PDB file of all heavy atoms in Angstrom:
ATOM      1  N   GLU A   1     -33.206 -38.935  49.583  1.00  0.00           N
ATOM      2  CA  GLU A   1     -33.190 -38.158  48.352  1.00  0.00           C
ATOM      3  C   GLU A   1     -32.807 -36.714  48.648  1.00  0.00           C
ATOM      4  O   GLU A   1     -33.047 -36.195  49.742  1.00  0.00           O
ATOM      5  CB  GLU A   1     -34.560 -38.208  47.670  1.00  0.00           C
ATOM      6  CG  GLU A   1     -35.014 -39.614  47.281  1.00  0.00           C
ATOM      7  CD  GLU A   1     -34.093 -40.287  46.294  1.00  0.00           C
ATOM      8  OE1 GLU A   1     -33.453 -39.555  45.497  1.00  0.00           O
ATOM      9  OE2 GLU A   1     -33.990 -41.530  46.311  1.00  0.00           O
ATOM     10  N   MET A   2     -32.212 -36.057  47.672  1.00  0.00           N
ATOM     11  CA  MET A   2     -31.752 -34.694  47.863  1.00  0.00           C
ATOM     12  C   MET A   2     -32.905 -33.782  48.305  1.00  0.00           C
ATOM     13  O   MET A   2     -33.952 -33.740  47.667  1.00  0.00           O
ATOM     14  CB  MET A   2     -31.131 -34.163  46.573  1.00  0.00           C
ATOM     15  CG  MET A   2     -30.358 -32.866  46.744  1.00  0.00           C
ATOM     16  SD  MET A   2     -29.471 -32.373  45.246  1.00  0.00           S
ATOM     17  CE  MET A   2     -28.294 -33.713  45.093  1.00  0.00           C
ATOM     18  N   GLY A   3     -32.704 -33.105  49.423  1.00  0.00           N
ATOM     19  CA  GLY A   3     -33.707 -32.175  49.942  1.00  0.00           C
ATOM     20  C   GLY A   3     -34.609 -32.753  51.013  1.00  0.00           C
ATOM     21  O   GLY A   3     -35.325 -31.996  51.686  1.00  0.00           O
ATOM     22  N   GLU A   4     -34.590 -34.068  51.195  1.00  0.00           N
ATOM     23  CA  GLU A   4     -35.503 -34.680  52.170  1.00  0.00           C
ATOM     24  C   GLU A   4     -35.214 -34.254  53.600  1.00  0.00           C
ATOM     25  O   GLU A   4     -36.113 -34.255  54.447  1.00  0.00           O
ATOM     26  CB  GLU A   4     -35.452 -36.205  52.059  1.00  0.00           C
ATOM     27  CG  GLU A   4     -36.233 -36.769  50.900  1.00  0.00           C
ATOM     28  CD  GLU A   4     -36.277 -38.294  50.895  1.00  0.00           C
ATOM     29  OE1 GLU A   4     -35.504 -38.928  51.645  1.00  0.00           O
ATOM     30  OE2 GLU A   4     -37.089 -38.828  50.131  1.00  0.00           O
ATOM     31  N   ALA A   5     -33.976 -33.896  53.906  1.00  0.00           N
ATOM     32  CA  ALA A   5     -33.635 -33.501  55.278  1.00  0.00           C
ATOM     33  C   ALA A   5     -34.432 -32.281  55.731  1.00  0.00           C
ATOM     34  O   ALA A   5     -34.651 -32.091  56.935  1.00  0.00           O
ATOM     35  CB  ALA A   5     -32.142 -33.224  55.389  1.00  0.00           C
ATOM     36  N   SER A   6     -34.879 -31.481  54.794  1.00  0.00           N
ATOM     37  CA  SER A   6     -35.662 -30.294  55.152  1.00  0.00           C
ATOM     38  C   SER A   6     -37.023 -30.658  55.731  1.00  0.00           C
ATOM     39  O   SER A   6     -37.705 -29.810  56.312  1.00  0.00           O
ATOM     40  CB  SER A   6     -35.839 -29.398  53.923  1.00  0.00           C
ATOM     41  OG  SER A   6     -36.554 -30.070  52.901  1.00  0.00           O
ATOM     42  N   GLN A   7     -37.426 -31.935  55.593  1.00  0.00           N
ATOM     43  CA  GLN A   7     -38.698 -32.391  56.148  1.00  0.00           C
ATOM     44  C   GLN A   7     -38.552 -32.958  57.565  1.00  0.00           C
ATOM     45  O   GLN A   7     -39.550 -33.249  58.222  1.00  0.00           O
ATOM     46  CB  GLN A   7     -39.303 -33.468  55.241  1.00  0.00           C
ATOM     47  CG  GLN A   7     -39.554 -33.011  53.818  1.00  0.00           C
ATOM     48  CD  GLN A   7     -40.001 -34.153  52.930  1.00  0.00           C
ATOM     49  OE1 GLN A   7     -40.853 -34.957  53.314  1.00  0.00           O
ATOM     50  NE2 GLN A   7     -39.426 -34.244  51.745  1.00  0.00           N
ATOM     51  N   ASP A   8     -37.319 -33.145  58.010  1.00  0.00           N
ATOM     52  CA  ASP A   8     -37.066 -33.710  59.341  1.00  0.00           C
ATOM     53  C   ASP A   8     -37.064 -32.578  60.361  1.00  0.00           C
ATOM     54  O   ASP A   8     -36.027 -31.977  60.645  1.00  0.00           O
ATOM     55  CB  ASP A   8     -35.734 -34.457  59.345  1.00  0.00           C
ATOM     56  CG  ASP A   8     -35.432 -35.123  60.682  1.00  0.00           C
ATOM     57  OD1 ASP A   8     -36.270 -35.033  61.608  1.00  0.00           O
ATOM     58  OD2 ASP A   8     -34.353 -35.739  60.800  1.00  0.00           O
ATOM     59  N   GLU A   9     -38.226 -32.288  60.924  1.00  0.00           N
ATOM     60  CA  GLU A   9     -38.358 -31.147  61.837  1.00  0.00           C
ATOM     61  C   GLU A   9     -37.497 -31.310  63.087  1.00  0.00           C
ATOM     62  O   GLU A   9     -36.868 -30.358  63.554  1.00  0.00           O
ATOM     63  CB  GLU A   9     -39.822 -30.950  62.218  1.00  0.00           C
ATOM     64  CG  GLU A   9     -40.704 -30.521  61.055  1.00  0.00           C
ATOM     65  CD  GLU A   9     -42.139 -30.240  61.479  1.00  0.00           C
ATOM     66  OE1 GLU A   9     -42.388 -30.153  62.711  1.00  0.00           O
ATOM     67  OE2 GLU A   9     -43.000 -30.116  60.603  1.00  0.00           O
ATOM     68  N   GLU A  10     -37.482 -32.534  63.629  1.00  0.00           N
ATOM     69  CA  GLU A  10     -36.656 -32.759  64.819  1.00  0.00           C
ATOM     70  C   GLU A  10     -35.180 -32.621  64.488  1.00  0.00           C
ATOM     71  O   GLU A  10     -34.401 -32.049  65.263  1.00  0.00           O
ATOM     72  CB  GLU A  10     -36.926 -34.137  65.421  1.00  0.00           C
ATOM     73  CG  GLU A  10     -36.130 -34.390  66.690  1.00  0.00           C
ATOM     74  CD  GLU A  10     -36.382 -35.758  67.303  1.00  0.00           C
ATOM     75  OE1 GLU A  10     -37.366 -36.422  66.921  1.00  0.00           O
ATOM     76  OE2 GLU A  10     -35.599 -36.152  68.184  1.00  0.00           O
ATOM     77  N   GLY A  11     -34.785 -33.149  63.341  1.00  0.00           N
ATOM     78  CA  GLY A  11     -33.384 -33.051  62.940  1.00  0.00           C
ATOM     79  C   GLY A  11     -32.938 -31.610  62.760  1.00  0.00           C
ATOM     80  O   GLY A  11     -31.845 -31.218  63.192  1.00  0.00           O
ATOM     81  N   LEU A  12     -33.780 -30.791  62.117  1.00  0.00           N
ATOM     82  CA  LEU A  12     -33.454 -29.385  61.933  1.00  0.00           C
ATOM     83  C   LEU A  12     -33.346 -28.669  63.275  1.00  0.00           C
ATOM     84  O   LEU A  12     -32.440 -27.849  63.497  1.00  0.00           O
ATOM     85  CB  LEU A  12     -34.514 -28.706  61.062  1.00  0.00           C
ATOM     86  CG  LEU A  12     -34.572 -29.143  59.596  1.00  0.00           C
ATOM     87  CD1 LEU A  12     -35.801 -28.548  58.914  1.00  0.00           C
ATOM     88  CD2 LEU A  12     -33.302 -28.734  58.850  1.00  0.00           C
ATOM     89  N   GLN A  13     -34.258 -29.000  64.186  1.00  0.00           N
ATOM     90  CA  GLN A  13     -34.196 -28.404  65.522  1.00  0.00           C
ATOM     91  C   GLN A  13     -32.926 -28.833  66.245  1.00  0.00           C
ATOM     92  O   GLN A  13     -32.284 -28.024  66.926  1.00  0.00           O
ATOM     93  CB  GLN A  13     -35.421 -28.805  66.339  1.00  0.00           C
ATOM     94  CG  GLN A  13     -35.492 -28.120  67.695  1.00  0.00           C
ATOM     95  CD  GLN A  13     -36.718 -28.556  68.488  1.00  0.00           C
ATOM     96  OE1 GLN A  13     -36.871 -29.726  68.809  1.00  0.00           O
ATOM     97  NE2 GLN A  13     -37.594 -27.596  68.785  1.00  0.00           N
ATOM     98  N   THR A  14     -32.549 -30.086  66.073  1.00  0.00           N
ATOM     99  CA  THR A  14     -31.304 -30.583  66.683  1.00  0.00           C
ATOM    100  C   THR A  14     -30.108 -29.784  66.187  1.00  0.00           C
ATOM    101  O   THR A  14     -29.193 -29.460  66.961  1.00  0.00           O
ATOM    102  CB  THR A  14     -31.124 -32.077  66.367  1.00  0.00           C
ATOM    103  OG1 THR A  14     -32.210 -32.818  66.945  1.00  0.00           O
ATOM    104  CG2 THR A  14     -29.807 -32.604  66.923  1.00  0.00           C
ATOM    105  N   MET A  15     -30.083 -29.444  64.905  1.00  0.00           N
ATOM    106  CA  MET A  15     -28.991 -28.643  64.355  1.00  0.00           C
ATOM    107  C   MET A  15     -28.984 -27.234  64.944  1.00  0.00           C
ATOM    108  O   MET A  15     -27.922 -26.677  65.243  1.00  0.00           O
ATOM    109  CB  MET A  15     -29.107 -28.562  62.836  1.00  0.00           C
ATOM    110  CG  MET A  15     -28.901 -29.875  62.100  1.00  0.00           C
ATOM    111  SD  MET A  15     -27.264 -30.598  62.384  1.00  0.00           S
ATOM    112  CE  MET A  15     -27.710 -32.086  63.300  1.00  0.00           C
ATOM    113  N   ARG A  16     -30.157 -26.654  65.128  1.00  0.00           N
ATOM    114  CA  ARG A  16     -30.230 -25.301  65.702  1.00  0.00           C
ATOM    115  C   ARG A  16     -29.767 -25.296  67.162  1.00  0.00           C
ATOM    116  O   ARG A  16     -29.018 -24.398  67.581  1.00  0.00           O
ATOM    117  CB  ARG A  16     -31.659 -24.755  65.595  1.00  0.00           C
ATOM    118  CG  ARG A  16     -32.123 -24.513  64.161  1.00  0.00           C
ATOM    119  CD  ARG A  16     -33.396 -23.682  64.118  1.00  0.00           C
ATOM    120  NE  ARG A  16     -34.530 -24.330  64.784  1.00  0.00           N
ATOM    121  CZ  ARG A  16     -35.393 -25.151  64.187  1.00  0.00           C
ATOM    122  NH1 ARG A  16     -35.231 -25.467  62.908  1.00  0.00           N
ATOM    123  NH2 ARG A  16     -36.416 -25.674  64.857  1.00  0.00           N
ATOM    124  N   VAL A  17     -30.218 -26.283  67.922  1.00  0.00           N
ATOM    125  CA  VAL A  17     -29.790 -26.381  69.324  1.00  0.00           C
ATOM    126  C   VAL A  17     -28.287 -26.609  69.400  1.00  0.00           C
ATOM    127  O   VAL A  17     -27.593 -26.023  70.244  1.00  0.00           O
ATOM    128  CB  VAL A  17     -30.558 -27.508  70.045  1.00  0.00           C
ATOM    129  CG1 VAL A  17     -29.997 -27.740  71.442  1.00  0.00           C
ATOM    130  CG2 VAL A  17     -32.045 -27.187  70.120  1.00  0.00           C
ATOM    131  N   LEU A  18     -27.776 -27.441  68.512  1.00  0.00           N
ATOM    132  CA  LEU A  18     -26.334 -27.696  68.474  1.00  0.00           C
ATOM    133  C   LEU A  18     -25.562 -26.397  68.234  1.00  0.00           C
ATOM    134  O   LEU A  18     -24.559 -26.125  68.903  1.00  0.00           O
ATOM    135  CB  LEU A  18     -26.026 -28.710  67.366  1.00  0.00           C
ATOM    136  CG  LEU A  18     -24.551 -28.959  67.062  1.00  0.00           C
ATOM    137  CD1 LEU A  18     -23.817 -29.503  68.278  1.00  0.00           C
ATOM    138  CD2 LEU A  18     -24.414 -29.923  65.884  1.00  0.00           C
ATOM    139  N   ALA A  19     -26.017 -25.604  67.285  1.00  0.00           N
ATOM    140  CA  ALA A  19     -25.316 -24.355  66.970  1.00  0.00           C
ATOM    141  C   ALA A  19     -25.378 -23.378  68.145  1.00  0.00           C
ATOM    142  O   ALA A  19     -24.399 -22.669  68.422  1.00  0.00           O
ATOM    143  CB  ALA A  19     -25.911 -23.726  65.720  1.00  0.00           C
ATOM    144  N   ARG A  20     -26.526 -23.330  68.838  1.00  0.00           N
ATOM    145  CA  ARG A  20     -26.621 -22.452  70.009  1.00  0.00           C
ATOM    146  C   ARG A  20     -25.683 -22.915  71.122  1.00  0.00           C
ATOM    147  O   ARG A  20     -24.997 -22.105  71.754  1.00  0.00           O
ATOM    148  CB  ARG A  20     -28.062 -22.417  70.524  1.00  0.00           C
ATOM    149  CG  ARG A  20     -29.033 -21.681  69.611  1.00  0.00           C
ATOM    150  CD  ARG A  20     -30.382 -21.453  70.269  1.00  0.00           C
ATOM    151  NE  ARG A  20     -31.344 -20.941  69.312  1.00  0.00           N
ATOM    152  CZ  ARG A  20     -32.248 -21.695  68.683  1.00  0.00           C
ATOM    153  NH1 ARG A  20     -32.340 -22.992  68.950  1.00  0.00           N
ATOM    154  NH2 ARG A  20     -33.074 -21.151  67.803  1.00  0.00           N
ATOM    155  N   ASN A  21     -25.673 -24.225  71.369  1.00  0.00           N
ATOM    156  CA  ASN A  21     -24.792 -24.755  72.415  1.00  0.00           C
ATOM    157  C   ASN A  21     -23.327 -24.540  72.061  1.00  0.00           C
ATOM    158  O   ASN A  21     -22.507 -24.206  72.925  1.00  0.00           O
ATOM    159  CB  ASN A  21     -25.068 -26.247  72.622  1.00  0.00           C
ATOM    160  CG  ASN A  21     -26.401 -26.513  73.284  1.00  0.00           C
ATOM    161  OD1 ASN A  21     -27.064 -25.593  73.758  1.00  0.00           O
ATOM    162  ND2 ASN A  21     -26.819 -27.772  73.311  1.00  0.00           N
ATOM    163  N   MET A  22     -23.006 -24.721  70.793  1.00  0.00           N
ATOM    164  CA  MET A  22     -21.624 -24.526  70.356  1.00  0.00           C
ATOM    165  C   MET A  22     -21.225 -23.059  70.488  1.00  0.00           C
ATOM    166  O   MET A  22     -20.105 -22.748  70.929  1.00  0.00           O
ATOM    167  CB  MET A  22     -21.472 -24.998  68.909  1.00  0.00           C
ATOM    168  CG  MET A  22     -20.048 -24.994  68.404  1.00  0.00           C
ATOM    169  SD  MET A  22     -19.936 -25.728  66.747  1.00  0.00           S
ATOM    170  CE  MET A  22     -18.150 -25.699  66.537  1.00  0.00           C
ATOM    171  N   SER A  23     -22.127 -22.158  70.130  1.00  0.00           N
ATOM    172  CA  SER A  23     -21.857 -20.728  70.261  1.00  0.00           C
ATOM    173  C   SER A  23     -21.599 -20.361  71.720  1.00  0.00           C
ATOM    174  O   SER A  23     -20.662 -19.601  72.039  1.00  0.00           O
ATOM    175  CB  SER A  23     -23.040 -19.916  69.727  1.00  0.00           C
ATOM    176  OG  SER A  23     -23.260 -20.170  68.355  1.00  0.00           O
ATOM    177  N   PHE A  24     -22.428 -20.895  72.607  1.00  0.00           N
ATOM    178  CA  PHE A  24     -22.267 -20.631  74.039  1.00  0.00           C
ATOM    179  C   PHE A  24     -20.910 -21.123  74.532  1.00  0.00           C
ATOM    180  O   PHE A  24     -20.192 -20.415  75.249  1.00  0.00           O
ATOM    181  CB  PHE A  24     -23.392 -21.310  74.817  1.00  0.00           C
ATOM    182  CG  PHE A  24     -23.307 -21.145  76.307  1.00  0.00           C
ATOM    183  CD1 PHE A  24     -23.773 -19.995  76.926  1.00  0.00           C
ATOM    184  CD2 PHE A  24     -22.765 -22.139  77.100  1.00  0.00           C
ATOM    185  CE1 PHE A  24     -23.698 -19.839  78.297  1.00  0.00           C
ATOM    186  CE2 PHE A  24     -22.680 -22.000  78.472  1.00  0.00           C
ATOM    187  CZ  PHE A  24     -23.144 -20.840  79.079  1.00  0.00           C
ATOM    188  N   LEU A  25     -20.537 -22.342  74.130  1.00  0.00           N
ATOM    189  CA  LEU A  25     -19.252 -22.900  74.545  1.00  0.00           C
ATOM    190  C   LEU A  25     -18.085 -22.052  74.063  1.00  0.00           C
ATOM    191  O   LEU A  25     -17.143 -21.765  74.812  1.00  0.00           O
ATOM    192  CB  LEU A  25     -19.108 -24.322  73.999  1.00  0.00           C
ATOM    193  CG  LEU A  25     -19.482 -25.498  74.888  1.00  0.00           C
ATOM    194  CD1 LEU A  25     -19.306 -26.798  74.125  1.00  0.00           C
ATOM    195  CD2 LEU A  25     -18.641 -25.503  76.154  1.00  0.00           C
ATOM    196  N   MET A  26     -18.129 -21.663  72.798  1.00  0.00           N
ATOM    197  CA  MET A  26     -17.029 -20.870  72.242  1.00  0.00           C
ATOM    198  C   MET A  26     -16.899 -19.532  72.949  1.00  0.00           C
ATOM    199  O   MET A  26     -15.785 -19.074  73.235  1.00  0.00           O
ATOM    200  CB  MET A  26     -17.227 -20.671  70.742  1.00  0.00           C
ATOM    201  CG  MET A  26     -16.983 -21.922  69.929  1.00  0.00           C
ATOM    202  SD  MET A  26     -16.976 -21.617  68.142  1.00  0.00           S
ATOM    203  CE  MET A  26     -18.670 -21.099  67.898  1.00  0.00           C
ATOM    204  N   LYS A  27     -18.027 -18.905  73.245  1.00  0.00           N
ATOM    205  CA  LYS A  27     -17.976 -17.619  73.925  1.00  0.00           C
ATOM    206  C   LYS A  27     -17.446 -17.770  75.357  1.00  0.00           C
ATOM    207  O   LYS A  27     -16.640 -16.946  75.821  1.00  0.00           O
ATOM    208  CB  LYS A  27     -19.371 -16.982  73.939  1.00  0.00           C
ATOM    209  CG  LYS A  27     -19.839 -16.520  72.563  1.00  0.00           C
ATOM    210  CD  LYS A  27     -21.267 -16.006  72.601  1.00  0.00           C
ATOM    211  CE  LYS A  27     -21.730 -15.568  71.224  1.00  0.00           C
ATOM    212  NZ  LYS A  27     -23.142 -15.095  71.215  1.00  0.00           N
ATOM    213  N   CYS A  28     -17.881 -18.811  76.042  1.00  0.00           N
ATOM    214  CA  CYS A  28     -17.399 -19.050  77.408  1.00  0.00           C
ATOM    215  C   CYS A  28     -15.901 -19.345  77.425  1.00  0.00           C
ATOM    216  O   CYS A  28     -15.168 -18.850  78.291  1.00  0.00           O
ATOM    217  CB  CYS A  28     -18.166 -20.202  78.042  1.00  0.00           C
ATOM    218  SG  CYS A  28     -19.882 -19.823  78.455  1.00  0.00           S
ATOM    219  N   ILE A  29     -15.471 -20.150  76.474  1.00  0.00           N
ATOM    220  CA  ILE A  29     -14.046 -20.478  76.407  1.00  0.00           C
ATOM    221  C   ILE A  29     -13.226 -19.248  76.049  1.00  0.00           C
ATOM    222  O   ILE A  29     -12.145 -19.022  76.609  1.00  0.00           O
ATOM    223  CB  ILE A  29     -13.815 -21.622  75.397  1.00  0.00           C
ATOM    224  CG1 ILE A  29     -14.377 -22.933  75.967  1.00  0.00           C
ATOM    225  CG2 ILE A  29     -12.332 -21.778  75.065  1.00  0.00           C
ATOM    226  CD1 ILE A  29     -14.425 -24.068  74.975  1.00  0.00           C
ATOM    227  N   HIS A  30     -13.743 -18.439  75.141  1.00  0.00           N
ATOM    228  CA  HIS A  30     -13.041 -17.195  74.789  1.00  0.00           C
ATOM    229  C   HIS A  30     -12.858 -16.310  76.013  1.00  0.00           C
ATOM    230  O   HIS A  30     -11.755 -15.805  76.285  1.00  0.00           O
ATOM    231  CB  HIS A  30     -13.829 -16.457  73.702  1.00  0.00           C
ATOM    232  CG  HIS A  30     -13.231 -15.130  73.328  1.00  0.00           C
ATOM    233  ND1 HIS A  30     -13.584 -13.953  73.965  1.00  0.00           N
ATOM    234  CD2 HIS A  30     -12.305 -14.794  72.388  1.00  0.00           C
ATOM    235  CE1 HIS A  30     -12.904 -12.952  73.445  1.00  0.00           C
ATOM    236  NE2 HIS A  30     -12.134 -13.432  72.487  1.00  0.00           N
ATOM    237  N   ASP A  31     -13.929 -16.117  76.787  1.00  0.00           N
ATOM    238  CA  ASP A  31     -13.842 -15.285  77.992  1.00  0.00           C
ATOM    239  C   ASP A  31     -12.965 -15.935  79.050  1.00  0.00           C
ATOM    240  O   ASP A  31     -12.211 -15.254  79.756  1.00  0.00           O
ATOM    241  CB  ASP A  31     -15.245 -15.032  78.553  1.00  0.00           C
ATOM    242  CG  ASP A  31     -16.083 -14.127  77.658  1.00  0.00           C
ATOM    243  OD1 ASP A  31     -15.516 -13.519  76.724  1.00  0.00           O
ATOM    244  OD2 ASP A  31     -17.307 -14.037  77.882  1.00  0.00           O
ATOM    245  N   GLY A  32     -13.064 -17.263  79.160  1.00  0.00           N
ATOM    246  CA  GLY A  32     -12.244 -17.970  80.138  1.00  0.00           C
ATOM    247  C   GLY A  32     -10.757 -17.882  79.833  1.00  0.00           C
ATOM    248  O   GLY A  32      -9.923 -17.747  80.742  1.00  0.00           O
ATOM    249  N   LYS A  33     -10.410 -17.936  78.553  1.00  0.00           N
ATOM    250  CA  LYS A  33      -9.003 -17.808  78.156  1.00  0.00           C
ATOM    251  C   LYS A  33      -8.469 -16.429  78.503  1.00  0.00           C
ATOM    252  O   LYS A  33      -7.314 -16.276  78.896  1.00  0.00           O
ATOM    253  CB  LYS A  33      -8.861 -18.091  76.659  1.00  0.00           C
ATOM    254  CG  LYS A  33      -8.903 -19.568  76.308  1.00  0.00           C
ATOM    255  CD  LYS A  33      -9.175 -19.797  74.839  1.00  0.00           C
ATOM    256  CE  LYS A  33      -8.135 -19.242  73.936  1.00  0.00           C
ATOM    257  NZ  LYS A  33      -8.366 -19.603  72.511  1.00  0.00           N
ATOM    258  N   GLU A  34      -9.335 -15.423  78.349  1.00  0.00           N
ATOM    259  CA  GLU A  34      -8.916 -14.061  78.693  1.00  0.00           C
ATOM    260  C   GLU A  34      -8.605 -13.949  80.183  1.00  0.00           C
ATOM    261  O   GLU A  34      -7.659 -13.264  80.579  1.00  0.00           O
ATOM    262  CB  GLU A  34     -10.029 -13.076  78.323  1.00  0.00           C
ATOM    263  CG  GLU A  34     -10.262 -12.901  76.837  1.00  0.00           C
ATOM    264  CD  GLU A  34      -9.159 -12.112  76.170  1.00  0.00           C
ATOM    265  OE1 GLU A  34      -8.678 -11.137  76.775  1.00  0.00           O
ATOM    266  OE2 GLU A  34      -8.769 -12.477  75.042  1.00  0.00           O
ATOM    267  N   LYS A  35      -9.396 -14.644  81.000  1.00  0.00           N
ATOM    268  CA  LYS A  35      -9.249 -14.505  82.454  1.00  0.00           C
ATOM    269  C   LYS A  35      -8.268 -15.515  83.043  1.00  0.00           C
ATOM    270  O   LYS A  35      -7.496 -15.179  83.949  1.00  0.00           O
ATOM    271  CB  LYS A  35     -10.619 -14.672  83.121  1.00  0.00           C
ATOM    272  CG  LYS A  35     -10.619 -14.406  84.613  1.00  0.00           C
ATOM    273  CD  LYS A  35     -12.022 -14.390  85.192  1.00  0.00           C
ATOM    274  CE  LYS A  35     -12.018 -14.052  86.668  1.00  0.00           C
ATOM    275  NZ  LYS A  35     -13.388 -14.028  87.255  1.00  0.00           N
ATOM    276  N   TYR A  36      -8.327 -16.768  82.526  1.00  0.00           N
ATOM    277  CA  TYR A  36      -7.557 -17.834  83.170  1.00  0.00           C
ATOM    278  C   TYR A  36      -6.449 -18.415  82.287  1.00  0.00           C
ATOM    279  O   TYR A  36      -5.589 -19.144  82.783  1.00  0.00           O
ATOM    280  CB  TYR A  36      -8.490 -18.987  83.574  1.00  0.00           C
ATOM    281  CG  TYR A  36      -9.600 -18.572  84.501  1.00  0.00           C
ATOM    282  CD1 TYR A  36     -10.926 -18.527  84.063  1.00  0.00           C
ATOM    283  CD2 TYR A  36      -9.338 -18.218  85.822  1.00  0.00           C
ATOM    284  CE1 TYR A  36     -11.950 -18.148  84.914  1.00  0.00           C
ATOM    285  CE2 TYR A  36     -10.361 -17.838  86.677  1.00  0.00           C
ATOM    286  CZ  TYR A  36     -11.667 -17.800  86.218  1.00  0.00           C
ATOM    287  OH  TYR A  36     -12.682 -17.421  87.057  1.00  0.00           O
ATOM    288  N   GLY A  37      -6.499 -18.146  80.989  1.00  0.00           N
ATOM    289  CA  GLY A  37      -5.552 -18.789  80.086  1.00  0.00           C
ATOM    290  C   GLY A  37      -5.990 -20.207  79.780  1.00  0.00           C
ATOM    291  O   GLY A  37      -7.069 -20.654  80.185  1.00  0.00           O
ATOM    292  N   LEU A  38      -5.153 -20.944  79.068  1.00  0.00           N
ATOM    293  CA  LEU A  38      -5.444 -22.332  78.739  1.00  0.00           C
ATOM    294  C   LEU A  38      -4.992 -23.252  79.871  1.00  0.00           C
ATOM    295  O   LEU A  38      -4.137 -22.874  80.685  1.00  0.00           O
ATOM    296  CB  LEU A  38      -4.741 -22.722  77.444  1.00  0.00           C
ATOM    297  CG  LEU A  38      -5.312 -22.125  76.155  1.00  0.00           C
ATOM    298  CD1 LEU A  38      -4.388 -22.423  74.978  1.00  0.00           C
ATOM    299  CD2 LEU A  38      -6.712 -22.647  75.884  1.00  0.00           C
TER     300      LEU A  38
END
């Protein structure tokens, strides 16, 4: 039902961890492209 996902504590945490990991990857790749290229 609409809104039920807000009750899934593990799922919400999974989304937060995903966003942190994705942010880390993007930043590392950005810096790596500056130094090494693609």
